Amino acid sequence: MATKERLNVNLDSKLKKETAETLEALGLDFTTAINIYFKQIVSKQKIPFEISAPNFYSTEEVMGNDWREGISDIEDEWE
């Protein structure tokens, strides 16, 4: 039999409440849900869903690599 250990996690109280309600509707408790999640991490050797940051585009991606060409010819009201 595997040795069990306790894991303490700090959560936002609203997130905890909403998660508890969702898990209850699914017939699960926190322990079962966390065990499922951790088993998926081990089995797949990755987080079992996509995690990404917002995509910010560089000036070159939007305007092209030669966007600086001719920039000195642009008239502005600051001069």
PDB file of N, CA and C in Angstrom:
ATOM      1  N   MET A   1       0.847  -1.180   0.000  1.00  0.00           N
ATOM      2  CA  MET A   1       0.000   0.000   0.000  1.00  0.00           C
ATOM      3  C   MET A   1       0.893   1.243   0.000  1.00  0.00           C
ATOM      4  N   ALA A   2       0.561   2.219  -0.808  1.00  0.00           N
ATOM      5  CA  ALA A   2       1.353   3.441  -0.921  1.00  0.00           C
ATOM      6  C   ALA A   2       1.186   4.305   0.332  1.00  0.00           C
ATOM      7  N   THR A   3       2.276   4.950   0.698  1.00  0.00           N
ATOM      8  CA  THR A   3       2.232   5.886   1.818  1.00  0.00           C
ATOM      9  C   THR A   3       1.523   7.157   1.363  1.00  0.00           C
ATOM     10  N   LYS A   4       0.661   7.671   2.191  1.00  0.00           N
ATOM     11  CA  LYS A   4      -0.065   8.898   1.853  1.00  0.00           C
ATOM     12  C   LYS A   4       0.580  10.083   2.542  1.00  0.00           C
ATOM     13  N   GLU A   5       0.555  11.219   1.872  1.00  0.00           N
ATOM     14  CA  GLU A   5       1.075  12.463   2.428  1.00  0.00           C
ATOM     15  C   GLU A   5       0.048  13.564   2.240  1.00  0.00           C
ATOM     16  N   ARG A   6       0.109  14.538   3.115  1.00  0.00           N
ATOM     17  CA  ARG A   6      -0.807  15.672   3.054  1.00  0.00           C
ATOM     18  C   ARG A   6      -0.172  16.779   2.210  1.00  0.00           C
ATOM     19  N   LEU A   7      -0.989  17.453   1.411  1.00  0.00           N
ATOM     20  CA  LEU A   7      -0.561  18.577   0.584  1.00  0.00           C
ATOM     21  C   LEU A   7      -1.437  19.772   0.937  1.00  0.00           C
ATOM     22  N   ASN A   8      -0.845  20.845   1.386  1.00  0.00           N
ATOM     23  CA  ASN A   8      -1.590  22.062   1.710  1.00  0.00           C
ATOM     24  C   ASN A   8      -1.459  23.043   0.556  1.00  0.00           C
ATOM     25  N   VAL A   9      -2.579  23.607   0.147  1.00  0.00           N
ATOM     26  CA  VAL A   9      -2.612  24.530  -0.985  1.00  0.00           C
ATOM     27  C   VAL A   9      -3.389  25.773  -0.584  1.00  0.00           C
ATOM     28  N   ASN A  10      -2.875  26.936  -0.925  1.00  0.00           N
ATOM     29  CA  ASN A  10      -3.601  28.186  -0.694  1.00  0.00           C
ATOM     30  C   ASN A  10      -4.375  28.555  -1.951  1.00  0.00           C
ATOM     31  N   LEU A  11      -5.661  28.794  -1.773  1.00  0.00           N
ATOM     32  CA  LEU A  11      -6.546  29.144  -2.889  1.00  0.00           C
ATOM     33  C   LEU A  11      -7.330  30.398  -2.561  1.00  0.00           C
ATOM     34  N   ASP A  12      -7.705  31.093  -3.603  1.00  0.00           N
ATOM     35  CA  ASP A  12      -8.658  32.177  -3.456  1.00  0.00           C
ATOM     36  C   ASP A  12      -9.972  31.569  -2.958  1.00  0.00           C
ATOM     37  N   SER A  13     -10.602  32.178  -1.972  1.00  0.00           N
ATOM     38  CA  SER A  13     -11.802  31.584  -1.364  1.00  0.00           C
ATOM     39  C   SER A  13     -12.951  31.429  -2.360  1.00  0.00           C
ATOM     40  N   LYS A  14     -13.101  32.368  -3.261  1.00  0.00           N
ATOM     41  CA  LYS A  14     -14.163  32.263  -4.270  1.00  0.00           C
ATOM     42  C   LYS A  14     -13.886  31.092  -5.212  1.00  0.00           C
ATOM     43  N   LEU A  15     -12.628  30.949  -5.635  1.00  0.00           N
ATOM     44  CA  LEU A  15     -12.260  29.836  -6.508  1.00  0.00           C
ATOM     45  C   LEU A  15     -12.497  28.506  -5.809  1.00  0.00           C
ATOM     46  N   LYS A  16     -12.148  28.419  -4.535  1.00  0.00           N
ATOM     47  CA  LYS A  16     -12.360  27.185  -3.776  1.00  0.00           C
ATOM     48  C   LYS A  16     -13.839  26.828  -3.715  1.00  0.00           C
ATOM     49  N   LYS A  17     -14.685  27.818  -3.425  1.00  0.00           N
ATOM     50  CA  LYS A  17     -16.125  27.593  -3.333  1.00  0.00           C
ATOM     51  C   LYS A  17     -16.696  27.131  -4.678  1.00  0.00           C
ATOM     52  N   GLU A  18     -16.318  27.823  -5.747  1.00  0.00           N
ATOM     53  CA  GLU A  18     -16.823  27.471  -7.080  1.00  0.00           C
ATOM     54  C   GLU A  18     -16.341  26.089  -7.508  1.00  0.00           C
ATOM     55  N   THR A  19     -15.088  25.776  -7.171  1.00  0.00           N
ATOM     56  CA  THR A  19     -14.548  24.458  -7.503  1.00  0.00           C
ATOM     57  C   THR A  19     -15.280  23.373  -6.725  1.00  0.00           C
ATOM     58  N   ALA A  20     -15.517  23.606  -5.444  1.00  0.00           N
ATOM     59  CA  ALA A  20     -16.243  22.630  -4.621  1.00  0.00           C
ATOM     60  C   ALA A  20     -17.634  22.362  -5.200  1.00  0.00           C
ATOM     61  N   GLU A  21     -18.319  23.408  -5.635  1.00  0.00           N
ATOM     62  CA  GLU A  21     -19.655  23.251  -6.222  1.00  0.00           C
ATOM     63  C   GLU A  21     -19.599  22.444  -7.511  1.00  0.00           C
ATOM     64  N   THR A  22     -18.606  22.740  -8.343  1.00  0.00           N
ATOM     65  CA  THR A  22     -18.458  22.009  -9.608  1.00  0.00           C
ATOM     66  C   THR A  22     -18.117  20.548  -9.357  1.00  0.00           C
ATOM     67  N   LEU A  23     -17.173  20.308  -8.450  1.00  0.00           N
ATOM     68  CA  LEU A  23     -16.798  18.929  -8.135  1.00  0.00           C
ATOM     69  C   LEU A  23     -17.965  18.154  -7.545  1.00  0.00           C
ATOM     70  N   GLU A  24     -18.748  18.794  -6.706  1.00  0.00           N
ATOM     71  CA  GLU A  24     -19.919  18.130  -6.122  1.00  0.00           C
ATOM     72  C   GLU A  24     -20.890  17.703  -7.225  1.00  0.00           C
ATOM     73  N   ALA A  25     -21.101  18.582  -8.194  1.00  0.00           N
ATOM     74  CA  ALA A  25     -21.992  18.252  -9.309  1.00  0.00           C
ATOM     75  C   ALA A  25     -21.447  17.071 -10.119  1.00  0.00           C
ATOM     76  N   LEU A  26     -20.118  16.921 -10.121  1.00  0.00           N
ATOM     77  CA  LEU A  26     -19.483  15.807 -10.833  1.00  0.00           C
ATOM     78  C   LEU A  26     -19.365  14.555  -9.970  1.00  0.00           C
ATOM     79  N   GLY A  27     -19.747  14.663  -8.697  1.00  0.00           N
ATOM     80  CA  GLY A  27     -19.643  13.534  -7.782  1.00  0.00           C
ATOM     81  C   GLY A  27     -18.227  13.295  -7.288  1.00  0.00           C
ATOM     82  N   LEU A  28     -17.409  14.349  -7.280  1.00  0.00           N
ATOM     83  CA  LEU A  28     -16.017  14.236  -6.842  1.00  0.00           C
ATOM     84  C   LEU A  28     -15.760  15.126  -5.638  1.00  0.00           C
ATOM     85  N   ASP A  29     -14.697  14.798  -4.919  1.00  0.00           N
ATOM     86  CA  ASP A  29     -14.230  15.681  -3.855  1.00  0.00           C
ATOM     87  C   ASP A  29     -12.852  16.225  -4.263  1.00  0.00           C
ATOM     88  N   PHE A  30     -12.302  17.120  -3.452  1.00  0.00           N
ATOM     89  CA  PHE A  30     -11.011  17.722  -3.782  1.00  0.00           C
ATOM     90  C   PHE A  30      -9.907  16.669  -3.900  1.00  0.00           C
ATOM     91  N   THR A  31      -9.868  15.736  -2.967  1.00  0.00           N
ATOM     92  CA  THR A  31      -8.806  14.728  -2.966  1.00  0.00           C
ATOM     93  C   THR A  31      -8.830  13.907  -4.248  1.00  0.00           C
ATOM     94  N   THR A  32     -10.004  13.459  -4.645  1.00  0.00           N
ATOM     95  CA  THR A  32     -10.127  12.655  -5.864  1.00  0.00           C
ATOM     96  C   THR A  32      -9.740  13.473  -7.088  1.00  0.00           C
ATOM     97  N   ALA A  33     -10.216  14.717  -7.159  1.00  0.00           N
ATOM     98  CA  ALA A  33      -9.903  15.575  -8.305  1.00  0.00           C
ATOM     99  C   ALA A  33      -8.403  15.845  -8.411  1.00  0.00           C
ATOM    100  N   ILE A  34      -7.759  16.132  -7.289  1.00  0.00           N
ATOM    101  CA  ILE A  34      -6.316  16.394  -7.296  1.00  0.00           C
ATOM    102  C   ILE A  34      -5.557  15.126  -7.679  1.00  0.00           C
ATOM    103  N   ASN A  35      -5.986  13.971  -7.182  1.00  0.00           N
ATOM    104  CA  ASN A  35      -5.334  12.715  -7.560  1.00  0.00           C
ATOM    105  C   ASN A  35      -5.465  12.445  -9.059  1.00  0.00           C
ATOM    106  N   ILE A  36      -6.629  12.699  -9.626  1.00  0.00           N
ATOM    107  CA  ILE A  36      -6.826  12.536 -11.068  1.00  0.00           C
ATOM    108  C   ILE A  36      -5.881  13.467 -11.824  1.00  0.00           C
ATOM    109  N   TYR A  37      -5.836  14.724 -11.401  1.00  0.00           N
ATOM    110  CA  TYR A  37      -4.982  15.726 -12.041  1.00  0.00           C
ATOM    111  C   TYR A  37      -3.516  15.301 -11.987  1.00  0.00           C
ATOM    112  N   PHE A  38      -3.029  14.920 -10.807  1.00  0.00           N
ATOM    113  CA  PHE A  38      -1.624  14.534 -10.657  1.00  0.00           C
ATOM    114  C   PHE A  38      -1.302  13.270 -11.461  1.00  0.00           C
ATOM    115  N   LYS A  39      -2.226  12.310 -11.506  1.00  0.00           N
ATOM    116  CA  LYS A  39      -1.994  11.095 -12.292  1.00  0.00           C
ATOM    117  C   LYS A  39      -1.879  11.421 -13.776  1.00  0.00           C
ATOM    118  N   GLN A  40      -2.654  12.391 -14.243  1.00  0.00           N
ATOM    119  CA  GLN A  40      -2.560  12.819 -15.638  1.00  0.00           C
ATOM    120  C   GLN A  40      -1.213  13.493 -15.914  1.00  0.00           C
ATOM    121  N   ILE A  41      -0.731  14.297 -14.976  1.00  0.00           N
ATOM    122  CA  ILE A  41       0.583  14.940 -15.131  1.00  0.00           C
ATOM    123  C   ILE A  41       1.666  13.870 -15.273  1.00  0.00           C
ATOM    124  N   VAL A  42       1.644  12.872 -14.405  1.00  0.00           N
ATOM    125  CA  VAL A  42       2.647  11.809 -14.444  1.00  0.00           C
ATOM    126  C   VAL A  42       2.502  10.982 -15.718  1.00  0.00           C
ATOM    127  N   SER A  43       1.287  10.613 -16.061  1.00  0.00           N
ATOM    128  CA  SER A  43       1.045   9.772 -17.235  1.00  0.00           C
ATOM    129  C   SER A  43       1.455  10.448 -18.531  1.00  0.00           C
ATOM    130  N   LYS A  44       1.096  11.712 -18.683  1.00  0.00           N
ATOM    131  CA  LYS A  44       1.368  12.431 -19.936  1.00  0.00           C
ATOM    132  C   LYS A  44       2.704  13.172 -19.920  1.00  0.00           C
ATOM    133  N   GLN A  45       3.307  13.294 -18.715  1.00  0.00           N
ATOM    134  CA  GLN A  45       4.560  14.035 -18.553  1.00  0.00           C
ATOM    135  C   GLN A  45       4.411  15.490 -18.991  1.00  0.00           C
ATOM    136  N   LYS A  46       3.253  16.048 -18.710  1.00  0.00           N
ATOM    137  CA  LYS A  46       2.976  17.456 -19.001  1.00  0.00           C
ATOM    138  C   LYS A  46       1.704  17.863 -18.268  1.00  0.00           C
ATOM    139  N   ILE A  47       1.465  19.164 -18.206  1.00  0.00           N
ATOM    140  CA  ILE A  47       0.192  19.661 -17.688  1.00  0.00           C
ATOM    141  C   ILE A  47      -0.878  19.225 -18.692  1.00  0.00           C
ATOM    142  N   PRO A  48      -1.974  18.619 -18.252  1.00  0.00           N
ATOM    143  CA  PRO A  48      -2.929  18.029 -19.188  1.00  0.00           C
ATOM    144  C   PRO A  48      -3.870  19.025 -19.879  1.00  0.00           C
ATOM    145  N   PHE A  49      -3.444  20.262 -19.973  1.00  0.00           N
ATOM    146  CA  PHE A  49      -4.179  21.261 -20.747  1.00  0.00           C
ATOM    147  C   PHE A  49      -3.188  22.334 -21.150  1.00  0.00           C
ATOM    148  N   GLU A  50      -3.560  23.132 -22.130  1.00  0.00           N
ATOM    149  CA  GLU A  50      -2.648  24.154 -22.645  1.00  0.00           C
ATOM    150  C   GLU A  50      -2.554  25.338 -21.690  1.00  0.00           C
ATOM    151  N   ILE A  51      -1.334  25.777 -21.456  1.00  0.00           N
ATOM    152  CA  ILE A  51      -1.082  26.989 -20.681  1.00  0.00           C
ATOM    153  C   ILE A  51      -0.323  27.928 -21.598  1.00  0.00           C
ATOM    154  N   SER A  52      -0.839  29.130 -21.775  1.00  0.00           N
ATOM    155  CA  SER A  52      -0.149  30.062 -22.660  1.00  0.00           C
ATOM    156  C   SER A  52      -0.316  31.485 -22.159  1.00  0.00           C
ATOM    157  N   ALA A  53       0.615  32.304 -22.564  1.00  0.00           N
ATOM    158  CA  ALA A  53       0.565  33.726 -22.241  1.00  0.00           C
ATOM    159  C   ALA A  53      -0.083  34.460 -23.415  1.00  0.00           C
ATOM    160  N   PRO A  54      -0.637  35.648 -23.152  1.00  0.00           N
ATOM    161  CA  PRO A  54      -1.184  36.421 -24.266  1.00  0.00           C
ATOM    162  C   PRO A  54      -0.102  36.663 -25.308  1.00  0.00           C
ATOM    163  N   ASN A  55      -0.494  36.625 -26.559  1.00  0.00           N
ATOM    164  CA  ASN A  55       0.460  36.810 -27.644  1.00  0.00           C
ATOM    165  C   ASN A  55       0.576  38.295 -27.977  1.00  0.00           C
ATOM    166  N   PHE A  56       1.744  38.853 -27.714  1.00  0.00           N
ATOM    167  CA  PHE A  56       2.014  40.236 -28.084  1.00  0.00           C
ATOM    168  C   PHE A  56       2.929  40.214 -29.294  1.00  0.00           C
ATOM    169  N   TYR A  57       2.581  40.960 -30.306  1.00  0.00           N
ATOM    170  CA  TYR A  57       3.340  40.973 -31.544  1.00  0.00           C
ATOM    171  C   TYR A  57       4.386  42.072 -31.515  1.00  0.00           C
ATOM    172  N   SER A  58       5.544  41.784 -32.090  1.00  0.00           N
ATOM    173  CA  SER A  58       6.588  42.793 -32.208  1.00  0.00           C
ATOM    174  C   SER A  58       6.234  43.731 -33.358  1.00  0.00           C
ATOM    175  N   THR A  59       6.875  44.870 -33.372  1.00  0.00           N
ATOM    176  CA  THR A  59       6.665  45.830 -34.466  1.00  0.00           C
ATOM    177  C   THR A  59       7.011  45.184 -35.794  1.00  0.00           C
ATOM    178  N   GLU A  60       8.079  44.405 -35.821  1.00  0.00           N
ATOM    179  CA  GLU A  60       8.498  43.745 -37.054  1.00  0.00           C
ATOM    180  C   GLU A  60       7.440  42.761 -37.560  1.00  0.00           C
ATOM    181  N   GLU A  61       6.785  42.055 -36.639  1.00  0.00           N
ATOM    182  CA  GLU A  61       5.745  41.109 -37.048  1.00  0.00           C
ATOM    183  C   GLU A  61       4.540  41.823 -37.646  1.00  0.00           C
ATOM    184  N   VAL A  62       4.243  43.010 -37.153  1.00  0.00           N
ATOM    185  CA  VAL A  62       3.077  43.749 -37.635  1.00  0.00           C
ATOM    186  C   VAL A  62       3.418  44.571 -38.876  1.00  0.00           C
ATOM    187  N   MET A  63       4.553  45.288 -38.833  1.00  0.00           N
ATOM    188  CA  MET A  63       4.890  46.247 -39.885  1.00  0.00           C
ATOM    189  C   MET A  63       5.889  45.723 -40.916  1.00  0.00           C
ATOM    190  N   GLY A  64       6.538  44.597 -40.621  1.00  0.00           N
ATOM    191  CA  GLY A  64       7.575  44.065 -41.507  1.00  0.00           C
ATOM    192  C   GLY A  64       8.954  44.497 -41.038  1.00  0.00           C
ATOM    193  N   ASN A  65       9.977  43.788 -41.498  1.00  0.00           N
ATOM    194  CA  ASN A  65      11.338  44.057 -41.050  1.00  0.00           C
ATOM    195  C   ASN A  65      11.874  45.410 -41.498  1.00  0.00           C
ATOM    196  N   ASP A  66      11.338  45.964 -42.558  1.00  0.00           N
ATOM    197  CA  ASP A  66      11.864  47.222 -43.087  1.00  0.00           C
ATOM    198  C   ASP A  66      11.029  48.436 -42.666  1.00  0.00           C
ATOM    199  N   TRP A  67      10.322  48.340 -41.568  1.00  0.00           N
ATOM    200  CA  TRP A  67       9.430  49.424 -41.159  1.00  0.00           C
ATOM    201  C   TRP A  67      10.162  50.717 -40.850  1.00  0.00           C
ATOM    202  N   ARG A  68      11.451  50.656 -40.536  1.00  0.00           N
ATOM    203  CA  ARG A  68      12.212  51.869 -40.209  1.00  0.00           C
ATOM    204  C   ARG A  68      12.611  52.665 -41.454  1.00  0.00           C
ATOM    205  N   GLU A  69      12.612  51.994 -42.601  1.00  0.00           N
ATOM    206  CA  GLU A  69      13.013  52.671 -43.832  1.00  0.00           C
ATOM    207  C   GLU A  69      12.037  53.803 -44.146  1.00  0.00           C
ATOM    208  N   GLY A  70      12.567  54.983 -44.370  1.00  0.00           N
ATOM    209  CA  GLY A  70      11.749  56.135 -44.714  1.00  0.00           C
ATOM    210  C   GLY A  70      11.088  56.797 -43.526  1.00  0.00           C
ATOM    211  N   ILE A  71      11.351  56.327 -42.325  1.00  0.00           N
ATOM    212  CA  ILE A  71      10.705  56.909 -41.147  1.00  0.00           C
ATOM    213  C   ILE A  71      11.125  58.369 -40.945  1.00  0.00           C
ATOM    214  N   SER A  72      12.361  58.696 -41.339  1.00  0.00           N
ATOM    215  CA  SER A  72      12.829  60.083 -41.177  1.00  0.00           C
ATOM    216  C   SER A  72      12.130  61.033 -42.142  1.00  0.00           C
ATOM    217  N   ASP A  73      11.478  60.502 -43.173  1.00  0.00           N
ATOM    218  CA  ASP A  73      10.777  61.338 -44.130  1.00  0.00           C
ATOM    219  C   ASP A  73       9.358  61.683 -43.679  1.00  0.00           C
ATOM    220  N   ILE A  74       8.902  61.063 -42.620  1.00  0.00           N
ATOM    221  CA  ILE A  74       7.535  61.297 -42.138  1.00  0.00           C
ATOM    222  C   ILE A  74       7.523  62.638 -41.385  1.00  0.00           C
ATOM    223  N   GLU A  75       6.580  63.468 -41.773  1.00  0.00           N
ATOM    224  CA  GLU A  75       6.446  64.760 -41.100  1.00  0.00           C
ATOM    225  C   GLU A  75       5.537  64.589 -39.896  1.00  0.00           C
ATOM    226  N   ASP A  76       5.940  65.252 -38.806  1.00  0.00           N
ATOM    227  CA  ASP A  76       5.093  65.237 -37.631  1.00  0.00           C
ATOM    228  C   ASP A  76       4.963  66.652 -37.101  1.00  0.00           C
ATOM    229  N   GLU A  77       4.095  66.847 -36.152  1.00  0.00           N
ATOM    230  CA  GLU A  77       3.834  68.183 -35.631  1.00  0.00           C
ATOM    231  C   GLU A  77       4.755  68.554 -34.469  1.00  0.00           C
ATOM    232  N   TRP A  78       5.704  67.713 -34.134  1.00  0.00           N
ATOM    233  CA  TRP A  78       6.576  67.968 -32.997  1.00  0.00           C
ATOM    234  C   TRP A  78       7.789  68.796 -33.359  1.00  0.00           C
ATOM    235  N   GLU A  79       8.094  68.884 -34.622  1.00  0.00           N
ATOM    236  CA  GLU A  79       9.297  69.639 -35.029  1.00  0.00           C
ATOM    237  C   GLU A  79       8.973  71.101 -35.237  1.00  0.00           C
TER     238      GLU A  79
END
